[in-house]
Amino acid sequence: MKLFYEPDNAYFGDCMPFYHDGTFYVIGTNYGGKGSQGVFYVTAKNPAGPWSDPVWVGNWYVDPSIEFIDGKMYFLSPDNQGSFLLGVMDPETGTFVEPLRKVASGLGGSSPEGPHFYKIGDYYYIMSAEGGTGYEHREVLQRSKSPWGPYE
């Protein structure tokens, strides 16, 4: 899998693995290096490979996450301004079939990051970290009856 042209000058931010319906997904952000293009994901039927070429999402968000719920591929990411963006993607093309929109804000800690999206029973949940790497670092959980909020 070719993600960039100068591997010594690139950095991958928090790549997250997921599994759905016989396919493994890894999503992350490619920072730096010639040819870097932001958020991408790759797929494979076997975690040992072979892996697909990257599907470039084209955004520069940190800590992106995907989850398959009710037949949809949800994309969740911090907006780098203290809130979370949610959209629905076509898993084959990486294009948004429902555009990104702000659905929730952090709960008071600095730098909301590393979100994960779940549906349990009748509720949708956003679980994330806040507070940076210092003493105030914490995990927070918000829930809503709709994926689009409002979250409590």
Protein backbone atom coordinates (compact mmCIF):
# COMPACT_ATOMS: atom_id res chain seq x y z
CA MET A 1 0.00 0.00 0.00
CA LYS A 2 1.49 3.34 -1.03
CA LEU A 3 0.46 6.29 1.11
CA PHE A 4 3.22 8.80 0.42
CA TYR A 5 6.49 9.19 -1.40
CA GLU A 6 8.91 10.08 1.42
CA PRO A 7 8.20 7.70 4.32
CA ASP A 8 10.97 9.15 6.49
CA ASN A 9 9.15 12.51 6.58
CA ALA A 10 5.60 11.35 7.25
CA TYR A 11 3.57 10.68 10.37
CA PHE A 12 0.38 8.69 10.75
CA GLY A 13 -1.97 9.98 13.42
CA ASP A 14 -3.81 7.45 15.55
CA CYS A 15 -4.72 4.79 13.00
CA MET A 16 -7.78 2.89 14.19
CA PRO A 17 -8.73 -0.67 13.12
CA PHE A 18 -12.35 -1.73 12.52
CA TYR A 19 -14.02 -4.90 11.26
CA HIS A 20 -17.34 -5.10 9.43
CA ASP A 21 -19.04 -7.79 7.38
CA GLY A 22 -15.89 -9.71 6.42
CA THR A 23 -13.68 -6.65 5.81
CA PHE A 24 -11.00 -5.07 7.99
CA TYR A 25 -10.67 -1.27 7.87
CA VAL A 26 -7.85 0.95 9.16
CA ILE A 27 -8.48 4.71 9.20
CA GLY A 28 -5.97 7.42 10.05
CA THR A 29 -4.43 10.72 9.04
CA ASN A 30 -1.26 11.02 6.96
CA TYR A 31 0.70 14.09 8.10
CA GLY A 32 3.70 15.42 6.25
CA GLY A 33 5.78 13.76 3.61
CA LYS A 34 5.51 14.48 -0.07
CA GLY A 35 2.12 13.39 -1.38
CA SER A 36 0.31 13.39 1.97
CA GLN A 37 -3.41 13.92 1.58
CA GLY A 38 -5.01 13.88 5.02
CA VAL A 39 -7.53 11.28 6.19
CA PHE A 40 -7.49 7.88 4.51
CA TYR A 41 -8.63 4.32 5.05
CA VAL A 42 -7.50 0.98 3.69
CA THR A 43 -9.30 -2.36 3.62
CA ALA A 44 -8.44 -6.06 3.55
CA LYS A 45 -10.27 -9.36 3.84
CA ASN A 46 -7.40 -10.71 5.95
CA PRO A 47 -5.49 -8.54 8.46
CA ALA A 48 -2.23 -10.03 7.10
CA GLY A 49 -3.10 -8.49 3.71
CA PRO A 50 -3.06 -7.75 0.97
CA TRP A 51 -4.37 -4.26 1.79
CA SER A 52 -6.16 -1.99 -0.64
CA ASP A 53 -4.78 1.22 -1.99
CA PRO A 54 -5.75 4.11 0.28
CA VAL A 55 -9.18 5.66 -0.09
CA TRP A 56 -8.49 9.37 0.50
CA VAL A 57 -11.23 11.21 2.35
CA GLY A 58 -9.51 14.55 1.72
CA ASN A 59 -9.92 16.18 5.14
CA TRP A 60 -7.22 17.01 7.69
CA TYR A 61 -9.06 16.06 10.87
CA VAL A 62 -7.25 14.31 13.73
CA ASP A 63 -8.34 10.96 15.17
CA PRO A 64 -11.02 10.00 12.62
CA SER A 65 -13.23 7.05 13.44
CA ILE A 66 -15.71 4.94 11.48
CA GLU A 67 -18.53 2.71 12.61
CA PHE A 68 -21.11 0.69 10.73
CA ILE A 69 -24.58 1.11 12.21
CA ASP A 70 -27.90 0.15 10.62
CA GLY A 71 -26.31 -0.36 7.19
CA LYS A 72 -24.49 3.00 7.16
CA MET A 73 -20.78 3.82 7.45
CA TYR A 74 -20.55 6.72 9.90
CA PHE A 75 -17.44 8.93 9.97
CA LEU A 76 -16.76 10.78 13.24
CA SER A 77 -13.92 13.19 13.91
CA PRO A 78 -13.01 16.17 16.07
CA ASP A 79 -13.29 19.40 14.09
CA ASN A 80 -10.03 20.69 15.65
CA GLN A 81 -12.10 23.49 17.30
CA GLY A 82 -13.61 21.68 20.30
CA SER A 83 -16.55 19.91 18.63
CA PHE A 84 -17.31 16.69 16.76
CA LEU A 85 -18.33 16.23 13.13
CA LEU A 86 -20.42 13.29 11.90
CA GLY A 87 -21.21 12.22 8.34
CA VAL A 88 -22.17 9.10 6.40
CA MET A 89 -19.74 7.73 3.81
CA ASP A 90 -19.91 5.42 0.84
CA PRO A 91 -17.42 2.71 1.90
CA GLU A 92 -16.35 2.05 -1.70
CA THR A 93 -15.51 5.61 -2.71
CA GLY A 94 -14.90 7.50 0.55
CA THR A 95 -17.33 10.22 -0.52
CA PHE A 96 -19.88 11.59 1.89
CA VAL A 97 -23.47 10.61 1.10
CA GLU A 98 -24.57 12.65 4.12
CA PRO A 99 -22.22 15.61 4.64
CA LEU A 100 -20.20 16.27 7.77
CA ARG A 101 -21.99 18.36 10.34
CA LYS A 102 -21.37 19.42 13.90
CA VAL A 103 -23.28 17.12 16.23
CA ALA A 104 -21.72 17.67 19.66
CA SER A 105 -19.18 19.72 21.56
CA GLY A 106 -16.66 18.65 24.14
CA LEU A 107 -17.78 18.66 27.76
CA GLY A 108 -15.36 21.24 29.13
CA GLY A 109 -11.94 19.65 28.88
CA SER A 110 -9.40 20.96 26.40
CA SER A 111 -8.76 19.31 23.05
CA PRO A 112 -11.58 16.76 22.61
CA GLU A 113 -10.05 13.85 20.71
CA GLY A 114 -10.16 10.16 19.86
CA PRO A 115 -13.93 9.83 19.47
CA HIS A 116 -15.73 6.54 18.99
CA PHE A 117 -19.35 6.16 17.88
CA TYR A 118 -21.72 3.45 19.10
CA LYS A 119 -25.37 2.51 19.08
CA ILE A 120 -26.58 0.54 22.07
CA GLY A 121 -30.31 -0.06 22.36
CA ASP A 122 -32.15 3.13 21.46
CA TYR A 123 -29.18 5.45 22.05
CA TYR A 124 -26.23 6.66 20.00
CA TYR A 125 -23.06 7.35 22.00
CA ILE A 126 -19.96 9.45 21.41
CA MET A 127 -17.10 8.42 23.66
CA SER A 128 -14.02 10.66 23.59
CA ALA A 129 -11.01 11.88 25.54
CA GLU A 130 -10.56 15.46 26.76
CA GLY A 131 -8.08 17.47 28.76
CA GLY A 132 -4.89 16.93 26.79
CA THR A 133 -2.17 14.82 28.38
CA GLY A 134 -2.09 16.47 31.81
CA TYR A 135 -3.78 15.99 35.15
CA GLU A 136 -7.23 16.93 33.76
CA HIS A 137 -7.21 14.18 31.08
CA ARG A 138 -10.45 12.19 31.11
CA GLU A 139 -12.81 10.03 29.09
CA VAL A 140 -16.32 11.38 28.49
CA LEU A 141 -19.51 9.85 27.14
CA GLN A 142 -22.46 11.61 25.52
CA ARG A 143 -25.71 10.09 24.26
CA SER A 144 -28.62 10.92 21.98
CA LYS A 145 -31.69 9.23 20.50
CA SER A 146 -30.55 10.42 17.05
CA PRO A 147 -27.07 10.16 15.51
CA TRP A 148 -27.38 13.86 14.69
CA GLY A 149 -28.09 14.95 18.29
CA PRO A 150 -28.79 16.68 20.49
CA TYR A 151 -26.31 14.90 22.80
CA GLU A 152 -26.52 14.96 26.60
